[in-house]
């Protein structure tokens, strides 16, 4: 009688070799090789590189915006020439020479040539302009009984623009030898008038306001 002996170890080996199945095949490449494990460094790099690139782009955009703002803030101002019969007076010349480099948050900038006589220009951080003019005629609406506002020892008259679309305001110092006007936007605040008042008080002596009689 023929008997067949089967070694239990052989049976175990056969089962073991055949159980590599699906789980083991996931680590194999199509050609039967082993798939290398994904490196942690590669994963981190895949996450960080886009973030770094985004940060670089944001820095460049902000830098370009800052440069554009600085360029706009230093550009010369275009201003219309208006009659200023006293622009060449000693008082106006002295005032223009002594005006500060800043009025409030506005920095002094040049005019586009030809520059109006007796005037100085300033530009705010938002690129809006502040214009100072010396030697102007008396405001036609400055009459007896007009309301004046005193700022740092200087009396100012608000000369309203008849055009309602104009949002800027013009204030005229009426207690100096020459009429000095400052035109500024609504965003200019009170800083420009305060600093200009200090400059006027330091250079020009105060005189009595000269309002026109009411006709």
N, C-alpha and C. Protein backbone atom coordinates (compact mmCIF):
# COMPACT_ATOMS: atom_id res chain seq x y z
N UNK A 1 0.87 -1.18 0.00
CA UNK A 1 0.00 0.00 0.00
C UNK A 1 0.89 1.21 0.00
N UNK A 2 0.53 2.18 -0.87
CA UNK A 2 1.31 3.43 -0.96
C UNK A 2 0.67 4.47 -0.08
N UNK A 3 1.50 5.01 0.75
CA UNK A 3 1.00 6.08 1.60
C UNK A 3 1.73 7.36 1.27
N UNK A 4 1.05 8.44 1.47
CA UNK A 4 1.65 9.76 1.19
C UNK A 4 1.76 10.53 2.47
N UNK A 5 2.96 10.89 2.79
CA UNK A 5 3.17 11.67 4.00
C UNK A 5 3.30 13.14 3.64
N UNK A 6 2.58 13.92 4.33
CA UNK A 6 2.64 15.37 4.10
C UNK A 6 3.16 16.04 5.34
N UNK A 7 4.21 16.79 5.15
CA UNK A 7 4.84 17.48 6.29
C UNK A 7 4.02 18.71 6.64
N UNK A 8 3.69 18.84 7.93
CA UNK A 8 2.88 19.99 8.36
C UNK A 8 3.58 21.31 8.09
N UNK A 9 4.88 21.29 8.15
CA UNK A 9 5.62 22.54 7.85
C UNK A 9 5.49 22.94 6.41
N UNK A 10 5.43 21.91 5.50
CA UNK A 10 5.26 22.24 4.08
C UNK A 10 3.90 22.86 3.83
N UNK A 11 2.88 22.31 4.50
CA UNK A 11 1.55 22.89 4.31
C UNK A 11 1.51 24.33 4.79
N UNK A 12 2.17 24.60 5.90
CA UNK A 12 2.20 25.96 6.44
C UNK A 12 2.90 26.92 5.49
N UNK A 13 3.99 26.44 4.91
CA UNK A 13 4.73 27.31 3.98
C UNK A 13 3.90 27.63 2.77
N UNK A 14 3.15 26.65 2.30
CA UNK A 14 2.34 26.89 1.11
C UNK A 14 1.27 27.91 1.39
N UNK A 15 0.66 27.76 2.56
CA UNK A 15 -0.38 28.73 2.90
C UNK A 15 0.20 30.12 3.07
N UNK A 16 1.37 30.16 3.70
CA UNK A 16 1.99 31.46 3.94
C UNK A 16 2.33 32.15 2.64
N UNK A 17 2.88 31.36 1.69
CA UNK A 17 3.28 31.99 0.43
C UNK A 17 2.09 32.43 -0.38
N UNK A 18 0.96 31.81 -0.18
CA UNK A 18 -0.21 32.18 -0.96
C UNK A 18 -1.05 33.24 -0.33
N UNK A 19 -0.74 33.65 0.89
CA UNK A 19 -1.57 34.63 1.58
C UNK A 19 -1.08 36.06 1.39
N UNK A 20 -0.10 36.23 0.54
CA UNK A 20 0.42 37.59 0.31
C UNK A 20 -0.60 38.42 -0.43
N UNK A 21 -1.51 37.85 -1.17
CA UNK A 21 -2.71 38.40 -1.80
C UNK A 21 -2.77 39.88 -2.00
N UNK A 22 -3.95 40.48 -1.81
CA UNK A 22 -4.19 41.90 -2.13
C UNK A 22 -3.33 42.84 -1.34
N UNK A 23 -3.15 42.58 -0.04
CA UNK A 23 -2.39 43.53 0.78
C UNK A 23 -0.97 43.65 0.30
N UNK A 24 -0.39 42.51 -0.05
CA UNK A 24 1.00 42.56 -0.50
C UNK A 24 1.11 43.17 -1.87
N UNK A 25 0.11 42.93 -2.74
CA UNK A 25 0.19 43.44 -4.11
C UNK A 25 0.12 44.95 -4.17
N UNK A 26 -0.39 45.62 -3.10
CA UNK A 26 -0.47 47.07 -3.11
C UNK A 26 0.91 47.71 -3.07
N UNK A 27 1.88 46.98 -2.58
CA UNK A 27 3.24 47.52 -2.51
C UNK A 27 4.06 47.17 -3.74
N UNK A 28 3.42 46.60 -4.76
CA UNK A 28 4.15 46.19 -5.96
C UNK A 28 3.84 47.13 -7.11
N UNK A 29 4.83 47.37 -7.93
CA UNK A 29 4.64 48.15 -9.15
C UNK A 29 4.11 47.24 -10.23
N UNK A 30 3.60 47.76 -11.35
CA UNK A 30 3.06 46.90 -12.41
C UNK A 30 4.05 45.86 -12.92
N UNK A 31 5.33 46.14 -12.88
CA UNK A 31 6.31 45.17 -13.37
C UNK A 31 6.76 44.20 -12.29
N UNK A 32 6.08 44.25 -11.14
CA UNK A 32 6.41 43.29 -10.09
C UNK A 32 7.40 43.79 -9.07
N UNK A 33 7.93 45.00 -9.25
CA UNK A 33 8.88 45.53 -8.28
C UNK A 33 8.16 46.12 -7.08
N UNK A 34 8.93 46.43 -6.07
CA UNK A 34 8.35 47.01 -4.86
C UNK A 34 8.22 48.52 -5.02
N UNK A 35 7.07 49.07 -4.61
CA UNK A 35 6.83 50.50 -4.67
C UNK A 35 7.53 51.18 -3.49
N UNK A 36 8.36 52.19 -3.76
CA UNK A 36 9.07 52.85 -2.65
C UNK A 36 8.09 53.64 -1.79
N UNK A 37 8.31 53.71 -0.49
CA UNK A 37 7.42 54.47 0.40
C UNK A 37 7.51 55.97 0.12
N UNK A 38 6.38 56.69 0.30
CA UNK A 38 6.36 58.14 0.10
C UNK A 38 7.12 58.82 1.23
N UNK A 39 8.08 59.63 0.87
CA UNK A 39 8.91 60.29 1.88
C UNK A 39 8.12 61.40 2.56
N UNK A 40 8.32 61.54 3.87
CA UNK A 40 7.69 62.63 4.62
C UNK A 40 8.17 63.98 4.12
N UNK A 41 9.43 64.03 3.72
CA UNK A 41 9.99 65.28 3.20
C UNK A 41 9.26 65.72 1.94
N UNK A 42 8.94 64.74 1.08
CA UNK A 42 8.23 65.06 -0.16
C UNK A 42 6.85 65.63 0.15
N UNK A 43 6.18 65.03 1.12
CA UNK A 43 4.84 65.51 1.49
C UNK A 43 4.90 66.93 2.03
N UNK A 44 5.87 67.18 2.91
CA UNK A 44 6.00 68.52 3.49
C UNK A 44 6.33 69.54 2.40
N UNK A 45 7.23 69.14 1.48
CA UNK A 45 7.59 70.06 0.40
C UNK A 45 6.40 70.37 -0.49
N UNK A 46 5.57 69.36 -0.74
CA UNK A 46 4.39 69.58 -1.58
C UNK A 46 3.42 70.56 -0.95
N UNK A 47 3.41 70.61 0.38
CA UNK A 47 2.52 71.54 1.08
C UNK A 47 3.15 72.93 1.19
N UNK A 48 4.44 72.99 1.49
CA UNK A 48 5.09 74.27 1.77
C UNK A 48 5.39 75.08 0.52
N UNK A 49 5.78 74.42 -0.56
CA UNK A 49 6.19 75.16 -1.77
C UNK A 49 5.08 76.09 -2.28
N UNK A 50 3.83 75.61 -2.42
CA UNK A 50 2.77 76.56 -2.85
C UNK A 50 2.57 77.71 -1.88
N UNK A 51 2.69 77.43 -0.56
CA UNK A 51 2.52 78.50 0.42
C UNK A 51 3.62 79.54 0.29
N UNK A 52 4.86 79.07 0.09
CA UNK A 52 5.98 80.00 -0.07
C UNK A 52 5.80 80.85 -1.32
N UNK A 53 5.38 80.21 -2.41
CA UNK A 53 5.16 80.96 -3.65
C UNK A 53 4.06 82.00 -3.48
N UNK A 54 2.99 81.63 -2.76
CA UNK A 54 1.91 82.58 -2.52
C UNK A 54 2.40 83.77 -1.70
N UNK A 55 3.22 83.49 -0.67
CA UNK A 55 3.75 84.57 0.15
C UNK A 55 4.62 85.50 -0.66
N UNK A 56 5.44 84.95 -1.56
CA UNK A 56 6.31 85.77 -2.41
C UNK A 56 5.47 86.67 -3.31
N UNK A 57 4.41 86.10 -3.89
CA UNK A 57 3.55 86.89 -4.78
C UNK A 57 2.89 88.03 -4.01
N UNK A 58 2.40 87.75 -2.80
CA UNK A 58 1.76 88.79 -2.00
C UNK A 58 2.73 89.90 -1.64
N UNK A 59 3.97 89.54 -1.31
CA UNK A 59 4.98 90.56 -0.99
C UNK A 59 5.27 91.43 -2.21
N UNK A 60 5.38 90.80 -3.38
CA UNK A 60 5.66 91.57 -4.60
C UNK A 60 4.50 92.51 -4.93
N UNK A 61 3.28 92.02 -4.78
CA UNK A 61 2.11 92.87 -5.07
C UNK A 61 2.06 94.05 -4.12
N UNK A 62 2.31 93.80 -2.84
CA UNK A 62 2.29 94.89 -1.86
C UNK A 62 3.40 95.89 -2.14
N UNK A 63 4.58 95.38 -2.50
CA UNK A 63 5.70 96.27 -2.80
C UNK A 63 5.38 97.17 -3.99
N UNK A 64 4.78 96.58 -5.03
CA UNK A 64 4.41 97.36 -6.20
C UNK A 64 3.35 98.40 -5.85
N UNK A 65 2.41 98.04 -4.99
CA UNK A 65 1.37 98.99 -4.58
C UNK A 65 1.97 100.15 -3.80
N UNK A 66 2.92 99.83 -2.90
CA UNK A 66 3.57 100.88 -2.11
C UNK A 66 4.36 101.82 -3.01
N UNK A 67 5.07 101.26 -4.00
CA UNK A 67 5.84 102.09 -4.92
C UNK A 67 4.93 102.99 -5.74
N UNK A 68 3.79 102.44 -6.17
CA UNK A 68 2.84 103.25 -6.95
C UNK A 68 2.28 104.38 -6.10
N UNK A 69 1.99 104.09 -4.82
CA UNK A 69 1.46 105.13 -3.94
C UNK A 69 2.50 106.22 -3.69
N UNK A 70 3.77 105.81 -3.50
CA UNK A 70 4.83 106.79 -3.28
C UNK A 70 5.03 107.66 -4.52
N UNK A 71 4.94 107.04 -5.70
CA UNK A 71 5.09 107.80 -6.93
C UNK A 71 3.96 108.81 -7.09
N UNK A 72 2.73 108.37 -6.81
CA UNK A 72 1.58 109.28 -6.92
C UNK A 72 1.68 110.41 -5.91
N UNK A 73 2.20 110.11 -4.72
CA UNK A 73 2.28 111.13 -3.67
C UNK A 73 3.31 112.20 -3.97
N UNK A 74 4.27 111.92 -4.85
CA UNK A 74 5.32 112.89 -5.14
C UNK A 74 5.16 113.55 -6.51
N UNK A 75 4.12 113.21 -7.24
CA UNK A 75 3.93 113.79 -8.56
C UNK A 75 3.57 115.28 -8.46
N UNK A 76 4.05 116.08 -9.39
CA UNK A 76 3.71 117.51 -9.38
C UNK A 76 2.20 117.73 -9.52
N UNK A 77 1.76 118.85 -8.97
CA UNK A 77 0.34 119.19 -8.96
C UNK A 77 0.03 120.16 -10.09
N UNK A 78 -1.05 119.92 -10.78
CA UNK A 78 -1.52 120.85 -11.80
C UNK A 78 -2.55 121.77 -11.17
N UNK A 79 -2.33 123.06 -11.26
CA UNK A 79 -3.24 124.04 -10.66
C UNK A 79 -3.55 125.14 -11.66
N UNK A 80 -4.78 125.60 -11.62
CA UNK A 80 -5.21 126.69 -12.50
C UNK A 80 -4.76 128.02 -11.90
N UNK A 81 -4.22 128.87 -12.73
CA UNK A 81 -3.83 130.21 -12.27
C UNK A 81 -5.07 131.08 -12.13
N UNK A 82 -5.17 131.76 -11.00
CA UNK A 82 -6.26 132.69 -10.76
C UNK A 82 -5.66 134.04 -10.39
N UNK A 83 -6.41 135.12 -10.53
CA UNK A 83 -5.86 136.43 -10.20
C UNK A 83 -5.33 136.47 -8.77
N UNK A 84 -4.10 136.94 -8.64
CA UNK A 84 -3.47 137.08 -7.32
C UNK A 84 -2.62 138.34 -7.35
N UNK A 85 -3.26 139.50 -7.26
CA UNK A 85 -2.53 140.77 -7.42
C UNK A 85 -1.44 140.98 -6.37
N UNK A 86 -1.57 140.34 -5.21
CA UNK A 86 -0.55 140.54 -4.18
C UNK A 86 0.46 139.42 -4.10
N UNK A 87 0.49 138.52 -5.10
CA UNK A 87 1.38 137.36 -5.04
C UNK A 87 2.85 137.75 -4.97
N UNK A 88 3.19 138.87 -5.59
CA UNK A 88 4.59 139.29 -5.60
C UNK A 88 4.97 140.19 -4.44
N UNK A 89 4.08 140.38 -3.50
CA UNK A 89 4.36 141.27 -2.36
C UNK A 89 5.41 140.65 -1.44
N UNK A 90 6.01 141.51 -0.63
CA UNK A 90 7.02 141.03 0.32
C UNK A 90 6.41 140.03 1.29
N UNK A 91 5.16 140.27 1.69
CA UNK A 91 4.51 139.37 2.64
C UNK A 91 4.33 137.96 2.04
N UNK A 92 3.88 137.91 0.80
CA UNK A 92 3.66 136.60 0.18
C UNK A 92 4.99 135.88 -0.08
N UNK A 93 5.99 136.62 -0.52
CA UNK A 93 7.29 135.99 -0.76
C UNK A 93 7.86 135.43 0.54
N UNK A 94 7.73 136.18 1.62
CA UNK A 94 8.23 135.70 2.91
C UNK A 94 7.45 134.47 3.37
N UNK A 95 6.15 134.49 3.14
CA UNK A 95 5.33 133.35 3.56
C UNK A 95 5.71 132.09 2.79
N UNK A 96 5.84 132.20 1.47
CA UNK A 96 6.16 131.03 0.66
C UNK A 96 7.51 130.44 1.04
N UNK A 97 8.46 131.30 1.38
CA UNK A 97 9.78 130.80 1.76
C UNK A 97 9.76 130.10 3.11
N UNK A 98 8.83 130.48 3.96
CA UNK A 98 8.82 129.93 5.32
C UNK A 98 7.80 128.82 5.52
N UNK A 99 7.04 128.49 4.49
CA UNK A 99 6.05 127.42 4.65
C UNK A 99 6.74 126.10 4.98
N UNK A 100 6.16 125.31 5.87
CA UNK A 100 6.78 124.03 6.24
C UNK A 100 6.69 123.01 5.11
N UNK A 101 7.47 121.96 5.25
CA UNK A 101 7.46 120.89 4.24
C UNK A 101 6.21 120.03 4.35
N UNK A 102 5.51 120.14 5.45
CA UNK A 102 4.28 119.37 5.63
C UNK A 102 3.21 120.23 6.28
N UNK A 103 1.99 120.06 5.83
CA UNK A 103 0.81 120.65 6.47
C UNK A 103 -0.08 119.49 6.87
N UNK A 104 -0.14 119.22 8.17
CA UNK A 104 -0.86 118.02 8.59
C UNK A 104 -0.16 116.80 8.03
N UNK A 105 -0.92 115.94 7.34
CA UNK A 105 -0.35 114.75 6.71
C UNK A 105 0.03 114.98 5.26
N UNK A 106 -0.12 116.21 4.78
CA UNK A 106 0.20 116.52 3.38
C UNK A 106 1.65 116.99 3.26
N UNK A 107 2.36 116.43 2.29
CA UNK A 107 3.75 116.81 2.05
C UNK A 107 3.84 117.75 0.85
N UNK A 108 4.77 118.67 0.93
CA UNK A 108 4.91 119.67 -0.13
C UNK A 108 5.44 119.03 -1.41
N UNK A 109 4.86 119.40 -2.52
CA UNK A 109 5.26 118.91 -3.84
C UNK A 109 5.29 120.08 -4.81
N UNK A 110 6.00 119.95 -5.92
CA UNK A 110 6.06 121.05 -6.89
C UNK A 110 4.80 121.12 -7.74
N UNK A 111 4.68 122.23 -8.45
CA UNK A 111 3.61 122.41 -9.43
C UNK A 111 4.11 121.97 -10.80
N UNK A 112 3.17 121.58 -11.64
CA UNK A 112 3.47 121.43 -13.05
C UNK A 112 3.66 122.82 -13.62
N UNK A 113 4.75 123.04 -14.34
CA UNK A 113 5.03 124.36 -14.90
C UNK A 113 4.05 124.68 -16.02
N UNK A 114 3.65 125.94 -16.14
CA UNK A 114 4.02 127.08 -15.30
C UNK A 114 3.26 127.08 -13.97
N UNK A 115 3.99 127.30 -12.89
CA UNK A 115 3.38 127.30 -11.57
C UNK A 115 2.60 128.59 -11.36
N UNK A 116 1.46 128.53 -10.70
CA UNK A 116 0.71 129.75 -10.42
C UNK A 116 1.48 130.64 -9.45
N UNK A 117 1.40 131.95 -9.59
CA UNK A 117 2.15 132.84 -8.70
C UNK A 117 1.61 132.82 -7.27
N UNK A 118 2.53 132.95 -6.32
CA UNK A 118 2.13 133.05 -4.92
C UNK A 118 1.46 131.81 -4.35
N UNK A 119 1.79 130.64 -4.88
CA UNK A 119 1.10 129.42 -4.46
C UNK A 119 2.08 128.33 -4.05
N UNK A 120 1.60 127.41 -3.24
CA UNK A 120 2.35 126.23 -2.82
C UNK A 120 1.41 125.04 -2.82
N UNK A 121 1.94 123.88 -3.16
CA UNK A 121 1.11 122.68 -3.26
C UNK A 121 1.58 121.61 -2.29
N UNK A 122 0.62 120.86 -1.80
CA UNK A 122 0.89 119.74 -0.90
C UNK A 122 0.02 118.56 -1.34
N UNK A 123 0.51 117.36 -1.03
CA UNK A 123 -0.27 116.18 -1.41
C UNK A 123 -0.44 115.26 -0.20
N UNK A 124 -1.67 114.82 0.00
CA UNK A 124 -2.00 113.91 1.10
C UNK A 124 -1.64 112.47 0.74
N UNK A 125 -1.58 111.57 1.72
CA UNK A 125 -1.26 110.17 1.43
C UNK A 125 -2.23 109.52 0.44
N UNK A 126 -3.48 109.98 0.39
CA UNK A 126 -4.44 109.41 -0.57
C UNK A 126 -4.36 110.09 -1.93
N UNK A 127 -3.30 110.90 -2.15
CA UNK A 127 -3.02 111.58 -3.42
C UNK A 127 -3.88 112.82 -3.64
N UNK A 128 -4.78 113.15 -2.71
CA UNK A 128 -5.53 114.40 -2.82
C UNK A 128 -4.60 115.58 -2.53
N UNK A 129 -4.93 116.75 -3.08
CA UNK A 129 -4.03 117.89 -2.97
C UNK A 129 -4.55 118.98 -2.04
N UNK A 130 -3.60 119.71 -1.49
CA UNK A 130 -3.86 120.90 -0.68
C UNK A 130 -3.09 122.03 -1.34
N UNK A 131 -3.77 123.13 -1.66
CA UNK A 131 -3.13 124.25 -2.36
C UNK A 131 -3.27 125.51 -1.51
N UNK A 132 -2.14 126.17 -1.30
CA UNK A 132 -2.10 127.44 -0.56
C UNK A 132 -1.83 128.55 -1.56
N UNK A 133 -2.60 129.62 -1.48
CA UNK A 133 -2.41 130.77 -2.38
C UNK A 133 -2.34 132.04 -1.54
N UNK A 134 -1.41 132.91 -1.89
CA UNK A 134 -1.24 134.17 -1.18
C UNK A 134 -1.42 135.34 -2.15
N UNK A 135 -1.98 136.44 -1.64
CA UNK A 135 -2.14 137.63 -2.47
C UNK A 135 -3.41 137.68 -3.27
N UNK A 136 -4.44 136.94 -2.84
CA UNK A 136 -5.70 136.92 -3.58
C UNK A 136 -6.53 138.16 -3.27
N UNK A 137 -7.49 138.47 -4.14
CA UNK A 137 -8.44 139.54 -3.80
C UNK A 137 -9.31 139.10 -2.62
N UNK A 138 -9.98 140.05 -2.00
CA UNK A 138 -10.89 139.70 -0.91
C UNK A 138 -12.02 138.82 -1.43
N UNK A 139 -12.41 137.80 -0.70
CA UNK A 139 -13.53 136.97 -1.14
C UNK A 139 -14.78 137.82 -1.33
N UNK A 140 -15.48 137.70 -2.45
CA UNK A 140 -16.65 138.55 -2.69
C UNK A 140 -17.77 138.33 -1.68
N UNK A 141 -17.79 137.16 -1.05
CA UNK A 141 -18.86 136.89 -0.07
C UNK A 141 -18.44 137.25 1.36
N UNK A 142 -17.24 137.81 1.51
CA UNK A 142 -16.78 138.21 2.84
C UNK A 142 -17.31 139.61 3.13
N UNK A 143 -18.43 139.67 3.80
CA UNK A 143 -19.10 140.94 4.09
C UNK A 143 -19.27 141.11 5.59
N UNK A 144 -19.68 142.30 5.96
CA UNK A 144 -19.92 142.59 7.38
C UNK A 144 -20.91 141.57 7.95
N UNK A 145 -20.56 141.02 9.08
CA UNK A 145 -21.43 140.03 9.71
C UNK A 145 -21.08 138.60 9.35
N UNK A 146 -20.10 138.40 8.45
CA UNK A 146 -19.71 137.04 8.07
C UNK A 146 -19.13 136.30 9.28
N UNK A 147 -19.41 135.03 9.35
CA UNK A 147 -18.90 134.21 10.45
C UNK A 147 -17.44 133.86 10.20
N UNK A 148 -16.62 134.06 11.21
CA UNK A 148 -15.20 133.72 11.13
C UNK A 148 -14.88 132.62 12.13
N UNK A 149 -13.88 131.85 11.81
CA UNK A 149 -13.43 130.80 12.72
C UNK A 149 -11.95 131.01 13.03
N UNK A 150 -11.63 131.08 14.30
CA UNK A 150 -10.24 131.31 14.69
C UNK A 150 -9.53 129.98 14.93
N UNK A 151 -8.38 129.84 14.30
CA UNK A 151 -7.56 128.63 14.45
C UNK A 151 -6.14 129.06 14.78
N UNK A 152 -5.67 128.73 15.95
CA UNK A 152 -4.30 129.04 16.38
C UNK A 152 -3.97 130.52 16.17
N UNK A 153 -4.93 131.38 16.51
CA UNK A 153 -4.68 132.81 16.45
C UNK A 153 -4.93 133.46 15.11
N UNK A 154 -5.39 132.72 14.13
CA UNK A 154 -5.68 133.26 12.79
C UNK A 154 -7.17 133.14 12.53
N UNK A 155 -7.76 134.21 11.98
CA UNK A 155 -9.19 134.21 11.69
C UNK A 155 -9.43 133.79 10.24
N UNK A 156 -10.24 132.76 10.09
CA UNK A 156 -10.50 132.18 8.77
C UNK A 156 -11.96 132.37 8.38
N UNK A 157 -12.14 132.63 7.08
CA UNK A 157 -13.47 132.74 6.50
C UNK A 157 -13.64 131.61 5.49
N UNK A 158 -14.72 130.87 5.64
CA UNK A 158 -15.00 129.78 4.71
C UNK A 158 -15.70 130.34 3.47
N UNK A 159 -15.01 130.25 2.35
CA UNK A 159 -15.55 130.75 1.09
C UNK A 159 -16.19 129.59 0.34
N UNK A 160 -17.50 129.42 0.43
CA UNK A 160 -18.14 128.24 -0.16
C UNK A 160 -18.13 128.29 -1.68
N UNK A 161 -18.01 127.11 -2.29
CA UNK A 161 -18.06 127.01 -3.75
C UNK A 161 -19.52 126.94 -4.18
N UNK A 162 -19.93 127.73 -5.17
CA UNK A 162 -21.34 127.69 -5.60
C UNK A 162 -21.73 126.38 -6.27
N UNK A 163 -20.73 125.60 -6.71
CA UNK A 163 -21.02 124.33 -7.36
C UNK A 163 -21.20 123.24 -6.30
N UNK A 164 -22.39 122.67 -6.15
CA UNK A 164 -22.61 121.66 -5.10
C UNK A 164 -21.83 120.37 -5.34
N UNK A 165 -21.34 120.18 -6.56
CA UNK A 165 -20.58 118.96 -6.86
C UNK A 165 -19.16 119.02 -6.31
N UNK A 166 -18.71 120.23 -5.96
CA UNK A 166 -17.36 120.39 -5.43
C UNK A 166 -17.34 119.98 -3.96
N UNK A 167 -16.49 119.01 -3.64
CA UNK A 167 -16.43 118.51 -2.26
C UNK A 167 -15.28 119.14 -1.47
N UNK A 168 -14.37 119.81 -2.14
CA UNK A 168 -13.28 120.47 -1.42
C UNK A 168 -13.79 121.78 -0.82
N UNK A 169 -13.04 122.30 0.12
CA UNK A 169 -13.42 123.56 0.77
C UNK A 169 -12.25 124.53 0.72
N UNK A 170 -12.57 125.81 0.67
CA UNK A 170 -11.56 126.86 0.64
C UNK A 170 -11.75 127.77 1.85
N UNK A 171 -10.67 127.95 2.59
CA UNK A 171 -10.66 128.83 3.75
C UNK A 171 -9.69 129.96 3.50
N UNK A 172 -10.10 131.17 3.86
CA UNK A 172 -9.29 132.37 3.60
C UNK A 172 -8.94 133.04 4.92
N UNK A 173 -7.64 133.26 5.13
CA UNK A 173 -7.20 134.02 6.30
C UNK A 173 -7.45 135.49 6.01
N UNK A 174 -8.29 136.15 6.84
CA UNK A 174 -8.72 137.52 6.54
C UNK A 174 -8.14 138.55 7.51
N UNK A 175 -7.22 138.12 8.38
CA UNK A 175 -6.66 139.07 9.34
C UNK A 175 -5.15 139.23 9.17
N UNK A 176 -4.69 139.13 7.91
CA UNK A 176 -3.27 139.34 7.59
C UNK A 176 -3.17 140.40 6.50
N UNK A 177 -1.98 140.98 6.29
CA UNK A 177 -1.87 142.04 5.27
C UNK A 177 -2.31 141.59 3.88
N UNK A 178 -2.13 140.32 3.56
CA UNK A 178 -2.60 139.75 2.30
C UNK A 178 -3.59 138.64 2.60
N UNK A 179 -4.52 138.45 1.67
CA UNK A 179 -5.47 137.34 1.83
C UNK A 179 -4.78 136.04 1.42
N UNK A 180 -4.83 135.07 2.31
CA UNK A 180 -4.21 133.76 2.05
C UNK A 180 -5.30 132.71 2.08
N UNK A 181 -5.39 131.94 1.01
CA UNK A 181 -6.42 130.89 0.92
C UNK A 181 -5.78 129.51 0.91
N UNK A 182 -6.47 128.56 1.49
CA UNK A 182 -6.05 127.16 1.42
C UNK A 182 -7.26 126.34 0.98
N UNK A 183 -7.06 125.57 -0.06
CA UNK A 183 -8.11 124.69 -0.58
C UNK A 183 -7.72 123.26 -0.29
N UNK A 184 -8.60 122.53 0.36
CA UNK A 184 -8.27 121.16 0.74
C UNK A 184 -9.49 120.26 0.62
N UNK A 185 -9.27 118.96 0.42
CA UNK A 185 -10.40 118.03 0.28
C UNK A 185 -11.04 117.74 1.62
N UNK A 186 -12.18 117.09 1.56
CA UNK A 186 -12.89 116.74 2.80
C UNK A 186 -12.08 115.77 3.65
N UNK A 187 -11.18 115.01 3.01
CA UNK A 187 -10.37 114.03 3.73
C UNK A 187 -9.14 114.66 4.37
N UNK A 188 -8.94 115.97 4.17
CA UNK A 188 -7.73 116.61 4.66
C UNK A 188 -7.67 116.82 6.15
N UNK A 189 -8.83 116.83 6.81
CA UNK A 189 -8.85 117.07 8.24
C UNK A 189 -8.50 118.50 8.58
N UNK A 190 -8.22 118.75 9.86
CA UNK A 190 -7.90 120.10 10.32
C UNK A 190 -6.40 120.36 10.41
N UNK A 191 -5.59 119.31 10.23
CA UNK A 191 -4.15 119.47 10.35
C UNK A 191 -3.55 120.53 9.44
N UNK A 192 -3.90 120.56 8.14
CA UNK A 192 -3.32 121.57 7.26
C UNK A 192 -3.63 123.00 7.70
N UNK A 193 -4.86 123.28 8.12
CA UNK A 193 -5.20 124.64 8.54
C UNK A 193 -4.47 125.00 9.84
N UNK A 194 -4.35 124.05 10.74
CA UNK A 194 -3.64 124.32 11.99
C UNK A 194 -2.17 124.65 11.74
N UNK A 195 -1.52 123.85 10.91
CA UNK A 195 -0.10 124.10 10.63
C UNK A 195 0.09 125.38 9.83
N UNK A 196 -0.82 125.65 8.90
CA UNK A 196 -0.72 126.89 8.12
C UNK A 196 -0.96 128.10 9.02
N UNK A 197 -1.87 127.98 9.97
CA UNK A 197 -2.11 129.08 10.91
C UNK A 197 -0.84 129.39 11.71
N UNK A 198 -0.14 128.36 12.13
CA UNK A 198 1.12 128.57 12.86
C UNK A 198 2.14 129.29 11.98
N UNK A 199 2.20 128.90 10.70
CA UNK A 199 3.15 129.55 9.79
C UNK A 199 2.78 131.02 9.57
N UNK A 200 1.49 131.31 9.42
CA UNK A 200 1.05 132.69 9.22
C UNK A 200 1.36 133.54 10.45
N UNK A 201 1.10 132.99 11.62
CA UNK A 201 1.35 133.75 12.86
C UNK A 201 2.83 134.05 13.03
N UNK A 202 3.69 133.17 12.55
CA UNK A 202 5.12 133.35 12.72
C UNK A 202 5.70 134.36 11.74
N UNK A 203 5.05 134.57 10.59
CA UNK A 203 5.64 135.40 9.53
C UNK A 203 4.90 136.72 9.35
N UNK A 204 3.58 136.69 9.41
CA UNK A 204 2.78 137.88 9.09
C UNK A 204 2.07 138.41 10.32
N UNK A 205 2.14 139.71 10.50
CA UNK A 205 1.46 140.32 11.64
C UNK A 205 -0.05 140.34 11.41
N UNK A 206 -0.77 140.25 12.50
CA UNK A 206 -2.23 140.28 12.41
C UNK A 206 -2.73 141.70 12.17
N UNK A 207 -3.79 141.81 11.38
CA UNK A 207 -4.45 143.09 11.14
C UNK A 207 -5.95 142.88 11.36
N UNK A 208 -6.67 143.97 11.43
CA UNK A 208 -8.12 143.86 11.58
C UNK A 208 -8.75 143.35 10.28
N UNK A 209 -9.66 142.41 10.36
CA UNK A 209 -10.36 141.96 9.15
C UNK A 209 -11.06 143.13 8.47
N UNK A 210 -11.17 143.07 7.15
CA UNK A 210 -11.73 144.17 6.36
C UNK A 210 -12.91 143.66 5.52
N UNK A 211 -14.01 143.30 6.14
CA UNK A 211 -15.15 142.81 5.37
C UNK A 211 -15.79 143.92 4.55
N UNK A 212 -16.35 143.55 3.42
CA UNK A 212 -17.03 144.54 2.58
C UNK A 212 -18.39 144.86 3.18
N UNK A 213 -18.84 146.09 3.01
CA UNK A 213 -20.18 146.45 3.51
C UNK A 213 -21.26 145.71 2.75
N UNK A 214 -22.36 145.48 3.41
CA UNK A 214 -23.48 144.81 2.76
C UNK A 214 -24.21 145.82 1.90
N UNK A 215 -24.33 145.52 0.63
CA UNK A 215 -24.96 146.47 -0.29
C UNK A 215 -26.47 146.29 -0.28
